[in-house]
Amino acid sequence: MALVPLWDAFMKAHFQAMDTAAKKWATARLPKTKTEIAAAIKKYTTLAYTLKKAETGKDAAKHAADQKKKQTTLESTLTKQKADVAAAQKKVDDAKKLRATQPKPAGADKKVRDAKKALLKAEKEVGKTQRKIHELYSYSVNLLVKNLGKDSQRVTNFEKDLAALKLTAP
């Protein structure tokens, strides 16, 4: 009995199962993604309206001064956080160098994983602070809303294209 026909049948079935599982996985995540984007659009649209009102209202000068003060504080925090990211990146690089030595020291892989986790955490903090800066001004909040609208359209387009995607079998 030849192995090739059995192998071909197995691979065809395997690829079909992988295709089905991938589509199911992606389809299951789309509703939550759409809901989160819609909620963010609503949140930032409201925030943009409130900020625009404050920026053009009778207390606009006081509001602008408060914005500038908050921005200065956030930018100093951001500078410190960027330094933390640089330090975390150096730790990742050092851990990778350690892992590359022969013979590989015990625990080298764990050091790389831990360093990467610390780097990711530091990068997230930078992102949060940058977002807080963007949330100070109506112009940048309107840009967030615009970009979220583009994201929503991308998700909708992906949802339409998902049915046509096919994992090619060998």
C-alpha atoms as a PDB file:
ATOM      1  CA  MET A   1       0.000   0.000   0.000  1.00  0.00           C
ATOM      2  CA  ALA A   2       1.381   3.381  -0.982  1.00  0.00           C
ATOM      3  CA  LEU A   3       1.806   5.991   1.705  1.00  0.00           C
ATOM      4  CA  VAL A   4       1.313   8.997  -0.591  1.00  0.00           C
ATOM      5  CA  PRO A   5      -2.494   8.663  -1.058  1.00  0.00           C
ATOM      6  CA  LEU A   6      -2.988   8.267   2.689  1.00  0.00           C
ATOM      7  CA  TRP A   7      -0.731  11.215   3.399  1.00  0.00           C
ATOM      8  CA  ASP A   8      -2.510  13.372   0.825  1.00  0.00           C
ATOM      9  CA  ALA A   9      -5.893  12.523   2.331  1.00  0.00           C
ATOM     10  CA  PHE A  10      -4.629  13.274   5.832  1.00  0.00           C
ATOM     11  CA  MET A  11      -3.128  16.620   4.790  1.00  0.00           C
ATOM     12  CA  LYS A  12      -6.286  17.625   2.934  1.00  0.00           C
ATOM     13  CA  ALA A  13      -8.412  16.852   5.996  1.00  0.00           C
ATOM     14  CA  HIS A  14      -5.918  18.571   8.284  1.00  0.00           C
ATOM     15  CA  PHE A  15      -5.867  21.745   6.205  1.00  0.00           C
ATOM     16  CA  GLN A  16      -9.666  21.754   6.030  1.00  0.00           C
ATOM     17  CA  ALA A  17      -9.878  21.409   9.815  1.00  0.00           C
ATOM     18  CA  MET A  18      -7.331  24.212  10.290  1.00  0.00           C
ATOM     19  CA  ASP A  19      -9.245  26.434   7.859  1.00  0.00           C
ATOM     20  CA  THR A  20     -12.522  25.822   9.692  1.00  0.00           C
ATOM     21  CA  ALA A  21     -10.954  26.382  13.108  1.00  0.00           C
ATOM     22  CA  ALA A  22      -9.250  29.625  12.004  1.00  0.00           C
ATOM     23  CA  LYS A  23     -12.465  31.034  10.537  1.00  0.00           C
ATOM     24  CA  LYS A  24     -14.404  30.055  13.653  1.00  0.00           C
ATOM     25  CA  TRP A  25     -11.781  31.664  15.884  1.00  0.00           C
ATOM     26  CA  ALA A  26     -11.724  34.915  13.882  1.00  0.00           C
ATOM     27  CA  THR A  27     -15.506  35.074  13.553  1.00  0.00           C
ATOM     28  CA  ALA A  28     -15.955  34.606  17.305  1.00  0.00           C
ATOM     29  CA  ARG A  29     -13.810  37.661  18.036  1.00  0.00           C
ATOM     30  CA  LEU A  30     -15.433  40.071  15.604  1.00  0.00           C
ATOM     31  CA  PRO A  31     -18.562  40.978  17.624  1.00  0.00           C
ATOM     32  CA  LYS A  32     -16.538  41.886  20.724  1.00  0.00           C
ATOM     33  CA  THR A  33     -14.124  43.919  18.632  1.00  0.00           C
ATOM     34  CA  LYS A  34     -16.963  45.806  16.947  1.00  0.00           C
ATOM     35  CA  THR A  35     -18.620  46.480  20.313  1.00  0.00           C
ATOM     36  CA  GLU A  36     -15.399  47.799  21.846  1.00  0.00           C
ATOM     37  CA  ILE A  37     -14.716  50.069  18.870  1.00  0.00           C
ATOM     38  CA  ALA A  38     -18.289  51.416  18.930  1.00  0.00           C
ATOM     39  CA  ALA A  39     -18.023  52.109  22.679  1.00  0.00           C
ATOM     40  CA  ALA A  40     -14.696  53.906  22.165  1.00  0.00           C
ATOM     41  CA  ILE A  41     -16.157  56.005  19.347  1.00  0.00           C
ATOM     42  CA  LYS A  42     -19.063  56.981  21.572  1.00  0.00           C
ATOM     43  CA  LYS A  43     -16.753  57.797  24.499  1.00  0.00           C
ATOM     44  CA  TYR A  44     -14.373  59.913  22.450  1.00  0.00           C
ATOM     45  CA  THR A  45     -17.123  61.671  20.503  1.00  0.00           C
ATOM     46  CA  THR A  46     -18.633  62.781  23.806  1.00  0.00           C
ATOM     47  CA  LEU A  47     -15.204  63.793  25.109  1.00  0.00           C
ATOM     48  CA  ALA A  48     -14.449  65.791  21.944  1.00  0.00           C
ATOM     49  CA  TYR A  49     -17.753  67.643  22.265  1.00  0.00           C
ATOM     50  CA  THR A  50     -17.094  68.440  25.929  1.00  0.00           C
ATOM     51  CA  LEU A  51     -13.532  69.585  25.229  1.00  0.00           C
ATOM     52  CA  LYS A  52     -14.564  71.740  22.274  1.00  0.00           C
ATOM     53  CA  LYS A  53     -17.208  73.384  24.426  1.00  0.00           C
ATOM     54  CA  ALA A  54     -14.640  74.070  27.156  1.00  0.00           C
ATOM     55  CA  GLU A  55     -12.014  75.288  24.666  1.00  0.00           C
ATOM     56  CA  THR A  56     -14.405  77.813  23.119  1.00  0.00           C
ATOM     57  CA  GLY A  57     -16.501  78.711  26.163  1.00  0.00           C
ATOM     58  CA  LYS A  58     -16.278  81.728  28.434  1.00  0.00           C
ATOM     59  CA  ASP A  59     -13.551  80.087  30.580  1.00  0.00           C
ATOM     60  CA  ALA A  60     -11.441  79.097  27.556  1.00  0.00           C
ATOM     61  CA  ALA A  61      -8.305  80.815  28.823  1.00  0.00           C
ATOM     62  CA  LYS A  62      -8.449  79.043  32.185  1.00  0.00           C
ATOM     63  CA  HIS A  63      -9.165  75.738  30.425  1.00  0.00           C
ATOM     64  CA  ALA A  64      -6.187  76.252  28.080  1.00  0.00           C
ATOM     65  CA  ALA A  65      -3.923  76.969  31.059  1.00  0.00           C
ATOM     66  CA  ASP A  66      -5.170  73.826  32.824  1.00  0.00           C
ATOM     67  CA  GLN A  67      -4.583  71.784  29.658  1.00  0.00           C
ATOM     68  CA  LYS A  68      -1.043  73.112  29.338  1.00  0.00           C
ATOM     69  CA  LYS A  69      -0.308  72.395  33.010  1.00  0.00           C
ATOM     70  CA  LYS A  70      -1.624  68.817  32.692  1.00  0.00           C
ATOM     71  CA  GLN A  71       0.298  68.321  29.461  1.00  0.00           C
ATOM     72  CA  THR A  72       3.538  69.479  31.071  1.00  0.00           C
ATOM     73  CA  THR A  73       3.021  67.086  33.974  1.00  0.00           C
ATOM     74  CA  LEU A  74       2.202  64.208  31.637  1.00  0.00           C
ATOM     75  CA  GLU A  75       5.185  64.957  29.399  1.00  0.00           C
ATOM     76  CA  SER A  76       7.569  64.812  32.364  1.00  0.00           C
ATOM     77  CA  THR A  77       6.013  61.479  33.331  1.00  0.00           C
ATOM     78  CA  LEU A  78       6.353  60.336  29.720  1.00  0.00           C
ATOM     79  CA  THR A  79      10.051  61.216  29.679  1.00  0.00           C
ATOM     80  CA  LYS A  80      10.627  59.047  32.758  1.00  0.00           C
ATOM     81  CA  GLN A  81       8.576  56.221  31.252  1.00  0.00           C
ATOM     82  CA  LYS A  82      10.550  56.352  28.002  1.00  0.00           C
ATOM     83  CA  ALA A  83      13.736  56.031  30.036  1.00  0.00           C
ATOM     84  CA  ASP A  84      12.173  52.981  31.731  1.00  0.00           C
ATOM     85  CA  VAL A  85      11.414  51.510  28.289  1.00  0.00           C
ATOM     86  CA  ALA A  86      15.017  52.064  27.205  1.00  0.00           C
ATOM     87  CA  ALA A  87      16.274  50.369  30.389  1.00  0.00           C
ATOM     88  CA  ALA A  88      13.863  47.470  29.890  1.00  0.00           C
ATOM     89  CA  GLN A  89      14.995  47.106  26.262  1.00  0.00           C
ATOM     90  CA  LYS A  90      18.617  46.986  27.434  1.00  0.00           C
ATOM     91  CA  LYS A  91      17.687  44.214  29.876  1.00  0.00           C
ATOM     92  CA  VAL A  92      16.038  42.264  27.033  1.00  0.00           C
ATOM     93  CA  ASP A  93      19.139  42.689  24.861  1.00  0.00           C
ATOM     94  CA  ASP A  94      21.426  41.635  27.724  1.00  0.00           C
ATOM     95  CA  ALA A  95      19.258  38.597  28.476  1.00  0.00           C
ATOM     96  CA  LYS A  96      19.332  37.592  24.793  1.00  0.00           C
ATOM     97  CA  LYS A  97      23.120  37.909  24.747  1.00  0.00           C
ATOM     98  CA  LEU A  98      23.315  35.752  27.863  1.00  0.00           C
ATOM     99  CA  ARG A  99      21.032  33.161  26.271  1.00  0.00           C
ATOM    100  CA  ALA A 100      23.208  33.097  23.142  1.00  0.00           C
ATOM    101  CA  THR A 101      26.356  32.136  25.052  1.00  0.00           C
ATOM    102  CA  GLN A 102      27.524  28.548  24.881  1.00  0.00           C
ATOM    103  CA  PRO A 103      26.822  26.606  26.967  1.00  0.00           C
ATOM    104  CA  LYS A 104      23.511  28.295  27.619  1.00  0.00           C
ATOM    105  CA  PRO A 105      23.241  29.241  31.305  1.00  0.00           C
ATOM    106  CA  ALA A 106      20.403  27.753  33.321  1.00  0.00           C
ATOM    107  CA  GLY A 107      17.435  30.086  33.527  1.00  0.00           C
ATOM    108  CA  ALA A 108      18.482  32.160  30.502  1.00  0.00           C
ATOM    109  CA  ASP A 109      15.172  31.607  28.710  1.00  0.00           C
ATOM    110  CA  LYS A 110      13.260  32.696  31.814  1.00  0.00           C
ATOM    111  CA  LYS A 111      15.360  35.842  32.060  1.00  0.00           C
ATOM    112  CA  VAL A 112      14.493  36.709  28.448  1.00  0.00           C
ATOM    113  CA  ARG A 113      10.783  36.074  29.057  1.00  0.00           C
ATOM    114  CA  ASP A 114      10.781  38.137  32.246  1.00  0.00           C
ATOM    115  CA  ALA A 115      12.684  40.972  30.558  1.00  0.00           C
ATOM    116  CA  LYS A 116      10.222  40.970  27.643  1.00  0.00           C
ATOM    117  CA  LYS A 117       7.286  41.087  30.071  1.00  0.00           C
ATOM    118  CA  ALA A 118       8.843  44.060  31.850  1.00  0.00           C
ATOM    119  CA  LEU A 119       9.444  45.776  28.496  1.00  0.00           C
ATOM    120  CA  LEU A 120       5.846  45.224  27.421  1.00  0.00           C
ATOM    121  CA  LYS A 121       4.571  46.615  30.715  1.00  0.00           C
ATOM    122  CA  ALA A 122       6.790  49.707  30.363  1.00  0.00           C
ATOM    123  CA  GLU A 123       5.636  50.226  26.757  1.00  0.00           C
ATOM    124  CA  LYS A 124       1.991  49.978  27.832  1.00  0.00           C
ATOM    125  CA  GLU A 125       2.551  52.669  30.455  1.00  0.00           C
ATOM    126  CA  VAL A 126       4.074  54.934  27.800  1.00  0.00           C
ATOM    127  CA  GLY A 127       1.059  54.326  25.588  1.00  0.00           C
ATOM    128  CA  LYS A 128      -1.369  55.136  28.394  1.00  0.00           C
ATOM    129  CA  THR A 129       0.396  58.397  29.129  1.00  0.00           C
ATOM    130  CA  GLN A 130       0.480  59.337  25.443  1.00  0.00           C
ATOM    131  CA  ARG A 131      -3.249  58.663  25.247  1.00  0.00           C
ATOM    132  CA  LYS A 132      -3.846  60.913  28.268  1.00  0.00           C
ATOM    133  CA  ILE A 133      -1.996  63.691  26.467  1.00  0.00           C
ATOM    134  CA  HIS A 134      -4.132  63.168  23.366  1.00  0.00           C
ATOM    135  CA  GLU A 135      -7.276  63.268  25.493  1.00  0.00           C
ATOM    136  CA  LEU A 136      -6.500  66.823  26.609  1.00  0.00           C
ATOM    137  CA  TYR A 137      -7.376  68.511  23.304  1.00  0.00           C
ATOM    138  CA  SER A 138     -10.496  68.261  21.149  1.00  0.00           C
ATOM    139  CA  TYR A 139      -8.462  68.232  17.920  1.00  0.00           C
ATOM    140  CA  SER A 140      -6.511  65.113  18.873  1.00  0.00           C
ATOM    141  CA  VAL A 141      -9.637  63.441  20.277  1.00  0.00           C
ATOM    142  CA  ASN A 142     -11.368  64.062  16.934  1.00  0.00           C
ATOM    143  CA  LEU A 143      -8.405  62.359  15.235  1.00  0.00           C
ATOM    144  CA  LEU A 144      -8.871  59.385  17.583  1.00  0.00           C
ATOM    145  CA  VAL A 145     -12.547  59.198  16.595  1.00  0.00           C
ATOM    146  CA  LYS A 146     -11.607  59.387  12.912  1.00  0.00           C
ATOM    147  CA  ASN A 147      -9.045  56.593  13.295  1.00  0.00           C
ATOM    148  CA  LEU A 148     -11.491  54.463  15.277  1.00  0.00           C
ATOM    149  CA  GLY A 149     -13.951  54.894  12.409  1.00  0.00           C
ATOM    150  CA  LYS A 150     -11.276  53.600  10.033  1.00  0.00           C
ATOM    151  CA  ASP A 151     -10.656  50.661  12.379  1.00  0.00           C
ATOM    152  CA  SER A 152     -14.364  49.904  12.408  1.00  0.00           C
ATOM    153  CA  GLN A 153     -14.416  49.900   8.613  1.00  0.00           C
ATOM    154  CA  ARG A 154     -11.382  47.588   8.518  1.00  0.00           C
ATOM    155  CA  VAL A 155     -13.115  45.140  10.831  1.00  0.00           C
ATOM    156  CA  THR A 156     -16.257  45.251   8.677  1.00  0.00           C
ATOM    157  CA  ASN A 157     -14.188  44.667   5.521  1.00  0.00           C
ATOM    158  CA  PHE A 158     -12.333  41.804   7.189  1.00  0.00           C
ATOM    159  CA  GLU A 159     -15.634  40.266   8.211  1.00  0.00           C
ATOM    160  CA  LYS A 160     -16.812  40.400   4.592  1.00  0.00           C
ATOM    161  CA  ASP A 161     -13.529  38.959   3.284  1.00  0.00           C
ATOM    162  CA  LEU A 162     -13.310  36.246   5.929  1.00  0.00           C
ATOM    163  CA  ALA A 163     -15.805  33.970   4.177  1.00  0.00           C
ATOM    164  CA  ALA A 164     -13.753  34.078   0.966  1.00  0.00           C
ATOM    165  CA  LEU A 165     -10.454  33.295   2.685  1.00  0.00           C
ATOM    166  CA  LYS A 166      -9.293  29.782   2.075  1.00  0.00           C
ATOM    167  CA  LEU A 167      -6.257  28.023   3.437  1.00  0.00           C
ATOM    168  CA  THR A 168      -4.614  26.451   0.404  1.00  0.00           C
ATOM    169  CA  ALA A 169      -4.007  22.758   0.776  1.00  0.00           C
ATOM    170  CA  PRO A 170      -0.749  21.295  -0.514  1.00  0.00           C
END
